[in-house]
ModelCIF file with pLDDT and N, C-alpha, C, O atoms, coordinates in Angstrom:
data_MODEL
#
_entry.id   MODEL 
#
_entity.id                         1 
_entity.type                       polymer 
_entity.pdbx_number_of_molecules   1 
#
_entity_poly.entity_id                      1 
_entity_poly.type                           'polypeptide(L)' 
_entity_poly.nstd_linkage                   no 
_entity_poly.nstd_monomer                   no 
_entity_poly.pdbx_seq_one_letter_code       AINPLASTPEEYIAMSILLALLVGGLQFLFGI 
_entity_poly.pdbx_seq_one_letter_code_can   AINPLASTPEEYIAMSILLALLVGGLQFLFGI 
_entity_poly.pdbx_strand_id                 A 
#
loop_
_entity_poly_seq.entity_id 
_entity_poly_seq.num 
_entity_poly_seq.mon_id 
_entity_poly_seq.hetero 
1 1  ALA n 
1 2  ILE n 
1 3  ASN n 
1 4  PRO n 
1 5  LEU n 
1 6  ALA n 
1 7  SER n 
1 8  THR n 
1 9  PRO n 
1 10 GLU n 
1 11 GLU n 
1 12 TYR n 
1 13 ILE n 
1 14 ALA n 
1 15 MET n 
1 16 SER n 
1 17 ILE n 
1 18 LEU n 
1 19 LEU n 
1 20 ALA n 
1 21 LEU n 
1 22 LEU n 
1 23 VAL n 
1 24 GLY n 
1 25 GLY n 
1 26 LEU n 
1 27 GLN n 
1 28 PHE n 
1 29 LEU n 
1 30 PHE n 
1 31 GLY n 
1 32 ILE n 
#
_struct_asym.id          A 
_struct_asym.entity_id   1 
#
loop_
_ma_qa_metric.id 
_ma_qa_metric.mode 
_ma_qa_metric.name 
_ma_qa_metric.software_group_id 
_ma_qa_metric.type 
1 global pLDDT . pLDDT 
2 local  pLDDT . pLDDT 
#
_ma_qa_metric_global.metric_id      1 
_ma_qa_metric_global.metric_value   94.22 
_ma_qa_metric_global.model_id       1 
_ma_qa_metric_global.ordinal_id     1 
#
loop_
_ma_qa_metric_local.label_asym_id 
_ma_qa_metric_local.label_comp_id 
_ma_qa_metric_local.label_seq_id 
_ma_qa_metric_local.metric_id 
_ma_qa_metric_local.metric_value 
_ma_qa_metric_local.model_id 
_ma_qa_metric_local.ordinal_id 
A ALA 1  2 92.00 1 1  
A ILE 2  2 94.00 1 2  
A ASN 3  2 90.00 1 3  
A PRO 4  2 89.00 1 4  
A LEU 5  2 92.00 1 5  
A ALA 6  2 91.00 1 6  
A SER 7  2 89.00 1 7  
A THR 8  2 93.00 1 8  
A PRO 9  2 93.00 1 9  
A GLU 10 2 94.00 1 10 
A GLU 11 2 95.00 1 11 
A TYR 12 2 96.00 1 12 
A ILE 13 2 96.00 1 13 
A ALA 14 2 96.00 1 14 
A MET 15 2 96.00 1 15 
A SER 16 2 97.00 1 16 
A ILE 17 2 97.00 1 17 
A LEU 18 2 97.00 1 18 
A LEU 19 2 97.00 1 19 
A ALA 20 2 97.00 1 20 
A LEU 21 2 97.00 1 21 
A LEU 22 2 97.00 1 22 
A VAL 23 2 97.00 1 23 
A GLY 24 2 96.00 1 24 
A GLY 25 2 96.00 1 25 
A LEU 26 2 95.00 1 26 
A GLN 27 2 95.00 1 27 
A PHE 28 2 95.00 1 28 
A LEU 29 2 94.00 1 29 
A PHE 30 2 92.00 1 30 
A GLY 31 2 90.00 1 31 
A ILE 32 2 90.00 1 32 
#
loop_
_atom_site.group_PDB 
_atom_site.id 
_atom_site.type_symbol 
_atom_site.label_atom_id 
_atom_site.label_alt_id 
_atom_site.label_comp_id 
_atom_site.label_asym_id 
_atom_site.label_entity_id 
_atom_site.label_seq_id 
_atom_site.pdbx_PDB_ins_code 
_atom_site.Cartn_x 
_atom_site.Cartn_y 
_atom_site.Cartn_z 
_atom_site.occupancy 
_atom_site.B_iso_or_equiv 
_atom_site.pdbx_formal_charge 
_atom_site.auth_seq_id 
_atom_site.auth_comp_id 
_atom_site.auth_asym_id 
_atom_site.auth_atom_id 
_atom_site.pdbx_PDB_model_num 
ATOM 1   N N  . ALA A 1 1  ? -76.879 100.493 5.228  1.00 92.00 ? 1  ALA A N  1 
ATOM 2   C CA . ALA A 1 1  ? -77.551 100.271 5.822  1.00 92.00 ? 1  ALA A CA 1 
ATOM 3   C C  . ALA A 1 1  ? -77.309 101.656 7.684  1.00 92.00 ? 1  ALA A C  1 
ATOM 4   O O  . ALA A 1 1  ? -77.965 102.657 7.973  1.00 92.00 ? 1  ALA A O  1 
ATOM 5   N N  . ILE A 1 2  ? -76.238 101.052 8.368  1.00 94.00 ? 2  ILE A N  1 
ATOM 6   C CA . ILE A 1 2  ? -75.406 101.452 9.484  1.00 94.00 ? 2  ILE A CA 1 
ATOM 7   C C  . ILE A 1 2  ? -75.232 102.946 9.344  1.00 94.00 ? 2  ILE A C  1 
ATOM 8   O O  . ILE A 1 2  ? -75.281 103.700 10.316 1.00 94.00 ? 2  ILE A O  1 
ATOM 9   N N  . ASN A 1 3  ? -75.101 103.206 8.543  1.00 90.00 ? 3  ASN A N  1 
ATOM 10  C CA . ASN A 1 3  ? -73.749 105.039 8.479  1.00 90.00 ? 3  ASN A CA 1 
ATOM 11  C C  . ASN A 1 3  ? -74.884 105.664 9.327  1.00 90.00 ? 3  ASN A C  1 
ATOM 12  O O  . ASN A 1 3  ? -74.913 105.952 10.524 1.00 90.00 ? 3  ASN A O  1 
ATOM 13  N N  . PRO A 1 4  ? -75.643 105.765 8.524  1.00 89.00 ? 4  PRO A N  1 
ATOM 14  C CA . PRO A 1 4  ? -77.231 107.154 8.620  1.00 89.00 ? 4  PRO A CA 1 
ATOM 15  C C  . PRO A 1 4  ? -77.784 106.382 10.744 1.00 89.00 ? 4  PRO A C  1 
ATOM 16  O O  . PRO A 1 4  ? -78.239 107.041 11.678 1.00 89.00 ? 4  PRO A O  1 
ATOM 17  N N  . LEU A 1 5  ? -77.522 105.212 10.702 1.00 92.00 ? 5  LEU A N  1 
ATOM 18  C CA . LEU A 1 5  ? -77.760 104.888 12.031 1.00 92.00 ? 5  LEU A CA 1 
ATOM 19  C C  . LEU A 1 5  ? -77.277 104.763 13.280 1.00 92.00 ? 5  LEU A C  1 
ATOM 20  O O  . LEU A 1 5  ? -77.860 104.736 14.364 1.00 92.00 ? 5  LEU A O  1 
ATOM 21  N N  . ALA A 1 6  ? -75.937 104.677 12.944 1.00 91.00 ? 6  ALA A N  1 
ATOM 22  C CA . ALA A 1 6  ? -74.635 104.496 14.354 1.00 91.00 ? 6  ALA A CA 1 
ATOM 23  C C  . ALA A 1 6  ? -74.278 105.178 14.937 1.00 91.00 ? 6  ALA A C  1 
ATOM 24  O O  . ALA A 1 6  ? -73.219 105.334 14.329 1.00 91.00 ? 6  ALA A O  1 
ATOM 25  N N  . SER A 1 7  ? -74.194 106.122 16.055 1.00 89.00 ? 7  SER A N  1 
ATOM 26  C CA . SER A 1 7  ? -73.021 107.714 16.553 1.00 89.00 ? 7  SER A CA 1 
ATOM 27  C C  . SER A 1 7  ? -71.888 107.287 16.978 1.00 89.00 ? 7  SER A C  1 
ATOM 28  O O  . SER A 1 7  ? -70.990 108.098 17.202 1.00 89.00 ? 7  SER A O  1 
ATOM 29  N N  . THR A 1 8  ? -71.656 105.585 17.225 1.00 93.00 ? 8  THR A N  1 
ATOM 30  C CA . THR A 1 8  ? -70.168 105.617 17.901 1.00 93.00 ? 8  THR A CA 1 
ATOM 31  C C  . THR A 1 8  ? -69.890 104.801 16.921 1.00 93.00 ? 8  THR A C  1 
ATOM 32  O O  . THR A 1 8  ? -70.659 104.595 15.983 1.00 93.00 ? 8  THR A O  1 
ATOM 33  N N  . PRO A 1 9  ? -68.334 104.067 17.114 1.00 93.00 ? 9  PRO A N  1 
ATOM 34  C CA . PRO A 1 9  ? -67.494 102.637 16.218 1.00 93.00 ? 9  PRO A CA 1 
ATOM 35  C C  . PRO A 1 9  ? -68.369 101.224 17.023 1.00 93.00 ? 9  PRO A C  1 
ATOM 36  O O  . PRO A 1 9  ? -68.731 100.226 16.398 1.00 93.00 ? 9  PRO A O  1 
ATOM 37  N N  . GLU A 1 10 ? -68.652 101.504 18.984 1.00 94.00 ? 10 GLU A N  1 
ATOM 38  C CA . GLU A 1 10 ? -68.601 100.298 19.023 1.00 94.00 ? 10 GLU A CA 1 
ATOM 39  C C  . GLU A 1 10 ? -70.341 99.983  18.477 1.00 94.00 ? 10 GLU A C  1 
ATOM 40  O O  . GLU A 1 10 ? -70.762 98.831  18.376 1.00 94.00 ? 10 GLU A O  1 
ATOM 41  N N  . GLU A 1 11 ? -71.148 101.131 18.185 1.00 95.00 ? 11 GLU A N  1 
ATOM 42  C CA . GLU A 1 11 ? -72.950 100.748 18.343 1.00 95.00 ? 11 GLU A CA 1 
ATOM 43  C C  . GLU A 1 11 ? -72.921 100.790 16.972 1.00 95.00 ? 11 GLU A C  1 
ATOM 44  O O  . GLU A 1 11 ? -73.889 100.134 16.588 1.00 95.00 ? 11 GLU A O  1 
ATOM 45  N N  . TYR A 1 12 ? -72.008 101.438 15.575 1.00 96.00 ? 12 TYR A N  1 
ATOM 46  C CA . TYR A 1 12 ? -71.513 100.432 14.359 1.00 96.00 ? 12 TYR A CA 1 
ATOM 47  C C  . TYR A 1 12 ? -70.917 98.786  14.514 1.00 96.00 ? 12 TYR A C  1 
ATOM 48  O O  . TYR A 1 12 ? -71.610 97.906  14.004 1.00 96.00 ? 12 TYR A O  1 
ATOM 49  N N  . ILE A 1 13 ? -70.139 98.549  14.942 1.00 96.00 ? 13 ILE A N  1 
ATOM 50  C CA . ILE A 1 13 ? -69.935 96.877  15.096 1.00 96.00 ? 13 ILE A CA 1 
ATOM 51  C C  . ILE A 1 13 ? -71.113 96.499  15.334 1.00 96.00 ? 13 ILE A C  1 
ATOM 52  O O  . ILE A 1 13 ? -71.857 95.827  14.620 1.00 96.00 ? 13 ILE A O  1 
ATOM 53  N N  . ALA A 1 14 ? -71.375 97.144  16.839 1.00 96.00 ? 14 ALA A N  1 
ATOM 54  C CA . ALA A 1 14 ? -73.248 96.091  17.241 1.00 96.00 ? 14 ALA A CA 1 
ATOM 55  C C  . ALA A 1 14 ? -74.052 95.462  16.141 1.00 96.00 ? 14 ALA A C  1 
ATOM 56  O O  . ALA A 1 14 ? -74.402 94.305  15.908 1.00 96.00 ? 14 ALA A O  1 
ATOM 57  N N  . MET A 1 15 ? -74.280 96.972  15.361 1.00 96.00 ? 15 MET A N  1 
ATOM 58  C CA . MET A 1 15 ? -75.034 96.722  14.228 1.00 96.00 ? 15 MET A CA 1 
ATOM 59  C C  . MET A 1 15 ? -74.900 95.870  13.348 1.00 96.00 ? 15 MET A C  1 
ATOM 60  O O  . MET A 1 15 ? -75.699 94.937  13.260 1.00 96.00 ? 15 MET A O  1 
ATOM 61  N N  . SER A 1 16 ? -73.618 96.047  12.316 1.00 97.00 ? 16 SER A N  1 
ATOM 62  C CA . SER A 1 16 ? -73.228 94.470  11.620 1.00 97.00 ? 16 SER A CA 1 
ATOM 63  C C  . SER A 1 16 ? -72.998 93.578  11.845 1.00 97.00 ? 16 SER A C  1 
ATOM 64  O O  . SER A 1 16 ? -72.496 92.690  11.156 1.00 97.00 ? 16 SER A O  1 
ATOM 65  N N  . ILE A 1 17 ? -73.504 93.607  13.509 1.00 97.00 ? 17 ILE A N  1 
ATOM 66  C CA . ILE A 1 17 ? -73.369 91.838  13.482 1.00 97.00 ? 17 ILE A CA 1 
ATOM 67  C C  . ILE A 1 17 ? -74.636 91.980  13.786 1.00 97.00 ? 17 ILE A C  1 
ATOM 68  O O  . ILE A 1 17 ? -75.214 91.054  13.216 1.00 97.00 ? 17 ILE A O  1 
ATOM 69  N N  . LEU A 1 18 ? -75.376 92.602  14.350 1.00 97.00 ? 18 LEU A N  1 
ATOM 70  C CA . LEU A 1 18 ? -76.924 92.094  14.334 1.00 97.00 ? 18 LEU A CA 1 
ATOM 71  C C  . LEU A 1 18 ? -77.481 91.997  12.960 1.00 97.00 ? 18 LEU A C  1 
ATOM 72  O O  . LEU A 1 18 ? -78.286 91.085  12.770 1.00 97.00 ? 18 LEU A O  1 
ATOM 73  N N  . LEU A 1 19 ? -77.159 92.856  11.879 1.00 97.00 ? 19 LEU A N  1 
ATOM 74  C CA . LEU A 1 19 ? -77.396 92.995  10.377 1.00 97.00 ? 19 LEU A CA 1 
ATOM 75  C C  . LEU A 1 19 ? -76.926 91.208  9.985  1.00 97.00 ? 19 LEU A C  1 
ATOM 76  O O  . LEU A 1 19 ? -77.706 90.298  9.703  1.00 97.00 ? 19 LEU A O  1 
ATOM 77  N N  . ALA A 1 20 ? -75.952 91.165  10.053 1.00 97.00 ? 20 ALA A N  1 
ATOM 78  C CA . ALA A 1 20 ? -75.912 89.501  9.898  1.00 97.00 ? 20 ALA A CA 1 
ATOM 79  C C  . ALA A 1 20 ? -76.861 88.548  10.593 1.00 97.00 ? 20 ALA A C  1 
ATOM 80  O O  . ALA A 1 20 ? -77.245 87.777  9.714  1.00 97.00 ? 20 ALA A O  1 
ATOM 81  N N  . LEU A 1 21 ? -77.398 88.244  11.694 1.00 97.00 ? 21 LEU A N  1 
ATOM 82  C CA . LEU A 1 21 ? -78.247 87.781  12.542 1.00 97.00 ? 21 LEU A CA 1 
ATOM 83  C C  . LEU A 1 21 ? -79.762 87.807  11.447 1.00 97.00 ? 21 LEU A C  1 
ATOM 84  O O  . LEU A 1 21 ? -80.591 86.984  11.057 1.00 97.00 ? 21 LEU A O  1 
ATOM 85  N N  . LEU A 1 22 ? -79.541 89.002  11.306 1.00 97.00 ? 22 LEU A N  1 
ATOM 86  C CA . LEU A 1 22 ? -81.245 89.793  10.699 1.00 97.00 ? 22 LEU A CA 1 
ATOM 87  C C  . LEU A 1 22 ? -81.319 89.111  9.393  1.00 97.00 ? 22 LEU A C  1 
ATOM 88  O O  . LEU A 1 22 ? -82.316 88.426  9.164  1.00 97.00 ? 22 LEU A O  1 
ATOM 89  N N  . VAL A 1 23 ? -79.834 89.273  7.984  1.00 97.00 ? 23 VAL A N  1 
ATOM 90  C CA . VAL A 1 23 ? -80.099 88.365  6.659  1.00 97.00 ? 23 VAL A CA 1 
ATOM 91  C C  . VAL A 1 23 ? -79.890 86.976  6.864  1.00 97.00 ? 23 VAL A C  1 
ATOM 92  O O  . VAL A 1 23 ? -80.331 86.077  6.148  1.00 97.00 ? 23 VAL A O  1 
ATOM 93  N N  . GLY A 1 24 ? -79.120 86.839  7.988  1.00 96.00 ? 24 GLY A N  1 
ATOM 94  C CA . GLY A 1 24 ? -79.011 85.437  7.722  1.00 96.00 ? 24 GLY A CA 1 
ATOM 95  C C  . GLY A 1 24 ? -80.323 84.633  8.057  1.00 96.00 ? 24 GLY A C  1 
ATOM 96  O O  . GLY A 1 24 ? -80.497 83.566  7.467  1.00 96.00 ? 24 GLY A O  1 
ATOM 97  N N  . GLY A 1 25 ? -81.322 85.105  9.030  1.00 96.00 ? 25 GLY A N  1 
ATOM 98  C CA . GLY A 1 25 ? -82.809 84.525  9.704  1.00 96.00 ? 25 GLY A CA 1 
ATOM 99  C C  . GLY A 1 25 ? -83.391 84.468  8.680  1.00 96.00 ? 25 GLY A C  1 
ATOM 100 O O  . GLY A 1 25 ? -83.764 83.389  8.220  1.00 96.00 ? 25 GLY A O  1 
ATOM 101 N N  . LEU A 1 26 ? -83.635 85.792  7.996  1.00 95.00 ? 26 LEU A N  1 
ATOM 102 C CA . LEU A 1 26 ? -84.084 86.054  6.398  1.00 95.00 ? 26 LEU A CA 1 
ATOM 103 C C  . LEU A 1 26 ? -83.758 84.630  5.466  1.00 95.00 ? 26 LEU A C  1 
ATOM 104 O O  . LEU A 1 26 ? -84.554 83.783  5.061  1.00 95.00 ? 26 LEU A O  1 
ATOM 105 N N  . GLN A 1 27 ? -82.249 84.719  5.294  1.00 95.00 ? 27 GLN A N  1 
ATOM 106 C CA . GLN A 1 27 ? -82.454 83.822  4.119  1.00 95.00 ? 27 GLN A CA 1 
ATOM 107 C C  . GLN A 1 27 ? -82.500 82.079  4.604  1.00 95.00 ? 27 GLN A C  1 
ATOM 108 O O  . GLN A 1 27 ? -82.589 81.048  3.937  1.00 95.00 ? 27 GLN A O  1 
ATOM 109 N N  . PHE A 1 28 ? -82.376 82.376  6.287  1.00 95.00 ? 28 PHE A N  1 
ATOM 110 C CA . PHE A 1 28 ? -83.016 80.822  6.221  1.00 95.00 ? 28 PHE A CA 1 
ATOM 111 C C  . PHE A 1 28 ? -84.536 80.074  6.227  1.00 95.00 ? 28 PHE A C  1 
ATOM 112 O O  . PHE A 1 28 ? -85.212 79.061  6.047  1.00 95.00 ? 28 PHE A O  1 
ATOM 113 N N  . LEU A 1 29 ? -84.467 81.235  6.527  1.00 94.00 ? 29 LEU A N  1 
ATOM 114 C CA . LEU A 1 29 ? -86.466 81.448  6.426  1.00 94.00 ? 29 LEU A CA 1 
ATOM 115 C C  . LEU A 1 29 ? -86.783 81.095  5.357  1.00 94.00 ? 29 LEU A C  1 
ATOM 116 O O  . LEU A 1 29 ? -87.306 79.985  5.266  1.00 94.00 ? 29 LEU A O  1 
ATOM 117 N N  . PHE A 1 30 ? -86.530 82.126  3.828  1.00 92.00 ? 30 PHE A N  1 
ATOM 118 C CA . PHE A 1 30 ? -86.856 81.724  2.425  1.00 92.00 ? 30 PHE A CA 1 
ATOM 119 C C  . PHE A 1 30 ? -86.352 80.502  1.949  1.00 92.00 ? 30 PHE A C  1 
ATOM 120 O O  . PHE A 1 30 ? -86.658 79.891  0.925  1.00 92.00 ? 30 PHE A O  1 
ATOM 121 N N  . GLY A 1 31 ? -85.362 80.167  3.020  1.00 90.00 ? 31 GLY A N  1 
ATOM 122 C CA . GLY A 1 31 ? -84.965 78.978  2.256  1.00 90.00 ? 31 GLY A CA 1 
ATOM 123 C C  . GLY A 1 31 ? -85.846 77.329  2.903  1.00 90.00 ? 31 GLY A C  1 
ATOM 124 O O  . GLY A 1 31 ? -86.086 76.451  2.074  1.00 90.00 ? 31 GLY A O  1 
ATOM 125 N N  . ILE A 1 32 ? -86.127 77.177  3.987  1.00 90.00 ? 32 ILE A N  1 
ATOM 126 C CA . ILE A 1 32 ? -86.587 76.160  4.285  1.00 90.00 ? 32 ILE A CA 1 
ATOM 127 C C  . ILE A 1 32 ? -88.203 76.670  4.067  1.00 90.00 ? 32 ILE A C  1 
ATOM 128 O O  . ILE A 1 32 ? -89.130 75.887  4.275  1.00 90.00 ? 32 ILE A O  1 
#
């Protein structure tokens, strides 16, 4: 997901953490 998008290591890490937030949000919503 992130390899094609991130241009710096810092951006890569930030995207991976945002991805966790998005994945968790979707899973929580699906569960509720």
